């Protein structure tokens, strides 16, 4: 399950990167067009920064934070730590791999 979530996050990052590239290209073309038309703003004018750019930055930061959280969950699950972040996945993995199998093996050996 964690692998699927990681792949989804990776795919979302790629989509955001593509959109950012497209936005950068669009902004560059708009600046060139304005320059050619003789209406270019001063170099330090931030009026060409749209609300979308701010939203994109917020999305990027949110994705980075989610990615760190997911990596931490995976790390804890692999260590077998039953901490809050990996409690569901860690307990499931431990129960499925070790605890139930060990008890079943002991019961079969005793019988």
N, C-alpha and C. Protein backbone atom coordinates (compact mmCIF):
# COMPACT_ATOMS: atom_id res chain seq x y z
N UNK A 1 0.82 -1.19 0.00
CA UNK A 1 0.00 0.00 0.00
C UNK A 1 0.87 1.25 0.00
N UNK A 2 1.93 1.22 0.80
CA UNK A 2 2.82 2.38 0.88
C UNK A 2 3.48 2.63 -0.47
N UNK A 3 3.78 1.57 -1.20
CA UNK A 3 4.41 1.74 -2.51
C UNK A 3 3.46 2.44 -3.48
N UNK A 4 2.19 2.13 -3.39
CA UNK A 4 1.20 2.77 -4.25
C UNK A 4 1.09 4.26 -3.90
N UNK A 5 1.07 4.55 -2.60
CA UNK A 5 1.01 5.96 -2.17
C UNK A 5 2.25 6.72 -2.62
N UNK A 6 3.40 6.09 -2.50
CA UNK A 6 4.64 6.72 -2.91
C UNK A 6 4.63 7.00 -4.41
N UNK A 7 4.14 6.03 -5.19
CA UNK A 7 4.06 6.22 -6.64
C UNK A 7 3.08 7.34 -6.99
N UNK A 8 1.96 7.40 -6.27
CA UNK A 8 0.98 8.47 -6.52
C UNK A 8 1.60 9.83 -6.23
N UNK A 9 2.31 9.94 -5.13
CA UNK A 9 2.95 11.20 -4.78
C UNK A 9 4.00 11.59 -5.82
N UNK A 10 4.74 10.59 -6.30
CA UNK A 10 5.74 10.84 -7.34
C UNK A 10 5.05 11.35 -8.62
N UNK A 11 3.96 10.72 -8.99
CA UNK A 11 3.22 11.14 -10.18
C UNK A 11 2.69 12.56 -10.02
N UNK A 12 2.19 12.89 -8.83
CA UNK A 12 1.68 14.24 -8.57
C UNK A 12 2.81 15.26 -8.69
N UNK A 13 3.98 14.90 -8.15
CA UNK A 13 5.13 15.80 -8.25
C UNK A 13 5.50 16.06 -9.71
N UNK A 14 5.46 15.01 -10.52
CA UNK A 14 5.78 15.17 -11.95
C UNK A 14 4.77 16.08 -12.64
N UNK A 15 3.50 15.93 -12.31
CA UNK A 15 2.46 16.78 -12.89
C UNK A 15 2.69 18.23 -12.49
N UNK A 16 2.98 18.44 -11.19
CA UNK A 16 3.23 19.80 -10.72
C UNK A 16 4.46 20.40 -11.39
N UNK A 17 5.49 19.60 -11.58
CA UNK A 17 6.69 20.09 -12.24
C UNK A 17 6.38 20.48 -13.69
N UNK A 18 5.58 19.67 -14.37
CA UNK A 18 5.21 19.98 -15.75
C UNK A 18 4.39 21.27 -15.82
N UNK A 19 3.48 21.43 -14.87
CA UNK A 19 2.66 22.65 -14.83
C UNK A 19 3.52 23.86 -14.53
N UNK A 20 4.47 23.70 -13.58
CA UNK A 20 5.39 24.80 -13.27
C UNK A 20 6.21 25.19 -14.49
N UNK A 21 6.69 24.19 -15.23
CA UNK A 21 7.45 24.48 -16.45
C UNK A 21 6.59 25.22 -17.47
N UNK A 22 5.36 24.79 -17.62
CA UNK A 22 4.45 25.44 -18.55
C UNK A 22 4.17 26.88 -18.12
N UNK A 23 3.95 27.08 -16.81
CA UNK A 23 3.72 28.43 -16.30
C UNK A 23 4.95 29.31 -16.52
N UNK A 24 6.13 28.77 -16.29
CA UNK A 24 7.36 29.54 -16.51
C UNK A 24 7.48 29.94 -17.98
N UNK A 25 7.21 28.98 -18.86
CA UNK A 25 7.31 29.26 -20.28
C UNK A 25 6.29 30.33 -20.67
N UNK A 26 5.07 30.21 -20.16
CA UNK A 26 4.03 31.18 -20.46
C UNK A 26 4.43 32.58 -19.97
N UNK A 27 4.97 32.65 -18.76
CA UNK A 27 5.41 33.93 -18.22
C UNK A 27 6.52 34.53 -19.06
N UNK A 28 7.44 33.69 -19.48
CA UNK A 28 8.55 34.16 -20.32
C UNK A 28 8.02 34.72 -21.64
N UNK A 29 7.08 34.02 -22.25
CA UNK A 29 6.51 34.49 -23.52
C UNK A 29 5.75 35.79 -23.31
N UNK A 30 5.02 35.89 -22.20
CA UNK A 30 4.29 37.14 -21.90
C UNK A 30 5.26 38.30 -21.74
N UNK A 31 6.38 38.06 -21.04
CA UNK A 31 7.37 39.13 -20.86
C UNK A 31 7.98 39.54 -22.20
N UNK A 32 8.31 38.55 -23.02
CA UNK A 32 8.88 38.86 -24.34
C UNK A 32 7.88 39.63 -25.19
N UNK A 33 6.62 39.21 -25.13
CA UNK A 33 5.58 39.90 -25.89
C UNK A 33 5.44 41.35 -25.42
N UNK A 34 5.42 41.53 -24.09
CA UNK A 34 5.31 42.89 -23.55
C UNK A 34 6.51 43.74 -23.96
N UNK A 35 7.70 43.14 -23.96
CA UNK A 35 8.90 43.87 -24.36
C UNK A 35 8.81 44.29 -25.82
N UNK A 36 8.39 43.38 -26.66
CA UNK A 36 8.27 43.69 -28.08
C UNK A 36 7.21 44.75 -28.35
N UNK A 37 6.18 44.78 -27.53
CA UNK A 37 5.13 45.78 -27.69
C UNK A 37 5.50 47.11 -27.04
N UNK A 38 6.60 47.12 -26.29
CA UNK A 38 7.05 48.35 -25.65
C UNK A 38 6.34 48.65 -24.35
N UNK A 39 5.76 47.64 -23.71
CA UNK A 39 5.04 47.87 -22.45
C UNK A 39 5.63 47.03 -21.32
N UNK A 40 6.91 46.71 -21.41
CA UNK A 40 7.54 45.86 -20.40
C UNK A 40 7.62 46.58 -19.06
N UNK A 41 7.32 45.88 -17.97
CA UNK A 41 7.44 46.47 -16.64
C UNK A 41 8.92 46.55 -16.25
N UNK A 42 9.25 47.36 -15.23
CA UNK A 42 10.62 47.38 -14.74
C UNK A 42 11.04 45.99 -14.26
N UNK A 43 12.33 45.74 -14.21
CA UNK A 43 12.85 44.42 -13.87
C UNK A 43 12.40 43.94 -12.50
N UNK A 44 12.20 44.87 -11.54
CA UNK A 44 11.81 44.46 -10.20
C UNK A 44 10.30 44.46 -9.99
N UNK A 45 9.53 44.69 -11.03
CA UNK A 45 8.06 44.71 -10.91
C UNK A 45 7.56 43.28 -10.73
N UNK A 46 6.86 43.04 -9.62
CA UNK A 46 6.34 41.71 -9.32
C UNK A 46 4.88 41.55 -9.74
N UNK A 47 4.36 42.48 -10.55
CA UNK A 47 2.95 42.41 -10.94
C UNK A 47 2.67 41.23 -11.86
N UNK A 48 3.71 40.67 -12.47
CA UNK A 48 3.50 39.53 -13.35
C UNK A 48 3.42 38.22 -12.57
N UNK A 49 3.67 38.25 -11.26
CA UNK A 49 3.53 37.06 -10.43
C UNK A 49 2.06 36.93 -10.07
N UNK A 50 1.49 35.84 -10.50
CA UNK A 50 0.06 35.65 -10.30
C UNK A 50 -0.23 34.92 -9.00
N UNK A 51 -1.51 34.88 -8.65
CA UNK A 51 -1.94 34.11 -7.49
C UNK A 51 -1.66 32.63 -7.70
N UNK A 52 -1.70 32.20 -8.96
CA UNK A 52 -1.43 30.80 -9.26
C UNK A 52 -0.01 30.43 -8.86
N UNK A 53 0.94 31.35 -9.06
CA UNK A 53 2.32 31.08 -8.67
C UNK A 53 2.41 30.86 -7.16
N UNK A 54 1.72 31.67 -6.40
CA UNK A 54 1.71 31.51 -4.94
C UNK A 54 1.05 30.19 -4.56
N UNK A 55 -0.03 29.83 -5.23
CA UNK A 55 -0.70 28.56 -4.96
C UNK A 55 0.19 27.38 -5.32
N UNK A 56 0.89 27.51 -6.45
CA UNK A 56 1.81 26.45 -6.86
C UNK A 56 2.91 26.24 -5.83
N UNK A 57 3.43 27.33 -5.30
CA UNK A 57 4.46 27.23 -4.27
C UNK A 57 3.90 26.57 -3.02
N UNK A 58 2.71 26.93 -2.62
CA UNK A 58 2.07 26.31 -1.45
C UNK A 58 1.85 24.82 -1.70
N UNK A 59 1.42 24.47 -2.90
CA UNK A 59 1.22 23.05 -3.25
C UNK A 59 2.54 22.29 -3.20
N UNK A 60 3.59 22.91 -3.71
CA UNK A 60 4.90 22.28 -3.72
C UNK A 60 5.37 22.00 -2.30
N UNK A 61 5.19 22.99 -1.42
CA UNK A 61 5.59 22.81 -0.02
C UNK A 61 4.77 21.72 0.66
N UNK A 62 3.47 21.67 0.36
CA UNK A 62 2.60 20.65 0.93
C UNK A 62 3.02 19.26 0.46
N UNK A 63 3.36 19.14 -0.80
CA UNK A 63 3.80 17.85 -1.35
C UNK A 63 5.11 17.42 -0.70
N UNK A 64 6.03 18.35 -0.54
CA UNK A 64 7.31 18.03 0.10
C UNK A 64 7.09 17.52 1.53
N UNK A 65 6.21 18.18 2.27
CA UNK A 65 5.92 17.76 3.64
C UNK A 65 5.28 16.37 3.65
N UNK A 66 4.33 16.13 2.77
CA UNK A 66 3.67 14.82 2.70
C UNK A 66 4.67 13.73 2.32
N UNK A 67 5.59 14.08 1.44
CA UNK A 67 6.61 13.13 1.02
C UNK A 67 7.51 12.76 2.20
N UNK A 68 7.89 13.75 2.99
CA UNK A 68 8.71 13.48 4.17
C UNK A 68 7.96 12.59 5.16
N UNK A 69 6.68 12.88 5.36
CA UNK A 69 5.87 12.06 6.27
C UNK A 69 5.77 10.63 5.78
N UNK A 70 5.55 10.45 4.50
CA UNK A 70 5.44 9.10 3.93
C UNK A 70 6.75 8.35 4.05
N UNK A 71 7.86 9.01 3.77
CA UNK A 71 9.16 8.37 3.90
C UNK A 71 9.42 7.96 5.34
N UNK A 72 9.01 8.80 6.29
CA UNK A 72 9.16 8.47 7.71
C UNK A 72 8.31 7.26 8.07
N UNK A 73 7.08 7.22 7.57
CA UNK A 73 6.21 6.07 7.84
C UNK A 73 6.82 4.78 7.29
N UNK A 74 7.36 4.85 6.09
CA UNK A 74 7.97 3.68 5.47
C UNK A 74 9.18 3.23 6.28
N UNK A 75 9.99 4.21 6.70
CA UNK A 75 11.18 3.90 7.48
C UNK A 75 10.78 3.21 8.79
N UNK A 76 9.78 3.74 9.46
CA UNK A 76 9.33 3.14 10.72
C UNK A 76 8.76 1.75 10.50
N UNK A 77 8.02 1.58 9.41
CA UNK A 77 7.43 0.28 9.12
C UNK A 77 8.52 -0.76 8.87
N UNK A 78 9.56 -0.36 8.17
CA UNK A 78 10.66 -1.28 7.88
C UNK A 78 11.44 -1.62 9.15
N UNK A 79 11.50 -0.70 10.09
CA UNK A 79 12.21 -0.95 11.34
C UNK A 79 11.35 -1.75 12.32
N UNK A 80 10.08 -1.88 12.04
CA UNK A 80 9.18 -2.59 12.93
C UNK A 80 8.76 -1.76 14.11
N UNK A 81 8.94 -0.44 14.01
CA UNK A 81 8.57 0.47 15.09
C UNK A 81 7.06 0.64 15.07
N UNK A 82 6.42 0.52 16.21
CA UNK A 82 4.98 0.67 16.30
C UNK A 82 4.58 2.08 16.70
N UNK A 83 5.32 3.10 16.24
CA UNK A 83 5.02 4.49 16.59
C UNK A 83 3.71 4.95 15.99
N UNK A 84 3.28 6.15 16.34
CA UNK A 84 1.99 6.69 15.90
C UNK A 84 1.90 6.74 14.39
N UNK A 85 2.94 7.21 13.72
CA UNK A 85 2.87 7.41 12.28
C UNK A 85 2.75 6.09 11.54
N UNK A 86 3.37 5.02 12.04
CA UNK A 86 3.33 3.76 11.32
C UNK A 86 2.58 2.68 12.05
N UNK A 87 1.71 3.05 12.98
CA UNK A 87 1.05 2.05 13.81
C UNK A 87 0.21 1.10 12.99
N UNK A 88 -0.56 1.59 12.06
CA UNK A 88 -1.44 0.72 11.28
C UNK A 88 -0.62 -0.20 10.39
N UNK A 89 0.26 0.39 9.60
CA UNK A 89 1.08 -0.41 8.69
C UNK A 89 2.04 -1.31 9.43
N UNK A 90 2.66 -0.82 10.50
CA UNK A 90 3.62 -1.60 11.25
C UNK A 90 2.96 -2.79 11.93
N UNK A 91 1.80 -2.58 12.54
CA UNK A 91 1.10 -3.66 13.21
C UNK A 91 0.64 -4.71 12.21
N UNK A 92 0.19 -4.25 11.07
CA UNK A 92 -0.26 -5.18 10.03
C UNK A 92 0.91 -6.03 9.54
N UNK A 93 2.02 -5.38 9.28
CA UNK A 93 3.18 -6.09 8.77
C UNK A 93 3.71 -7.07 9.82
N UNK A 94 3.77 -6.66 11.08
CA UNK A 94 4.29 -7.53 12.13
C UNK A 94 3.36 -8.71 12.34
N UNK A 95 2.06 -8.47 12.35
CA UNK A 95 1.10 -9.54 12.56
C UNK A 95 1.11 -10.53 11.41
N UNK A 96 1.24 -10.04 10.21
CA UNK A 96 1.20 -10.91 9.05
C UNK A 96 2.49 -11.67 8.85
N UNK A 97 3.62 -11.07 9.20
CA UNK A 97 4.89 -11.70 8.90
C UNK A 97 5.41 -12.58 10.03
N UNK A 98 5.38 -12.06 11.24
CA UNK A 98 6.08 -12.74 12.31
C UNK A 98 5.18 -13.38 13.35
N UNK A 99 4.31 -12.59 13.94
CA UNK A 99 3.57 -13.06 15.13
C UNK A 99 2.66 -14.23 14.81
N UNK A 100 1.81 -14.10 13.81
CA UNK A 100 0.87 -15.17 13.50
C UNK A 100 1.59 -16.39 12.95
N UNK A 101 2.58 -16.17 12.11
CA UNK A 101 3.32 -17.29 11.53
C UNK A 101 4.07 -18.06 12.59
N UNK A 102 4.68 -17.32 13.54
CA UNK A 102 5.43 -17.98 14.61
C UNK A 102 4.51 -18.81 15.50
N UNK A 103 3.36 -18.25 15.87
CA UNK A 103 2.41 -18.98 16.72
C UNK A 103 1.87 -20.18 15.98
N UNK A 104 1.59 -20.04 14.72
CA UNK A 104 1.07 -21.15 13.93
C UNK A 104 2.09 -22.26 13.81
N UNK A 105 3.33 -21.88 13.63
CA UNK A 105 4.40 -22.88 13.52
C UNK A 105 4.58 -23.65 14.81
N UNK A 106 4.47 -22.93 15.94
CA UNK A 106 4.61 -23.58 17.24
C UNK A 106 3.44 -24.55 17.48
N UNK A 107 2.24 -24.12 17.11
CA UNK A 107 1.06 -24.97 17.29
C UNK A 107 1.17 -26.21 16.42
N UNK A 108 1.65 -26.06 15.21
CA UNK A 108 1.79 -27.22 14.33
C UNK A 108 2.85 -28.17 14.84
N UNK A 109 3.92 -27.62 15.40
CA UNK A 109 4.99 -28.46 15.93
C UNK A 109 4.54 -29.23 17.15
N UNK A 110 3.66 -28.62 17.97
CA UNK A 110 3.19 -29.29 19.18
C UNK A 110 2.19 -30.38 18.87
N UNK A 111 1.48 -30.24 17.76
CA UNK A 111 0.44 -31.21 17.41
C UNK A 111 1.03 -32.40 16.80
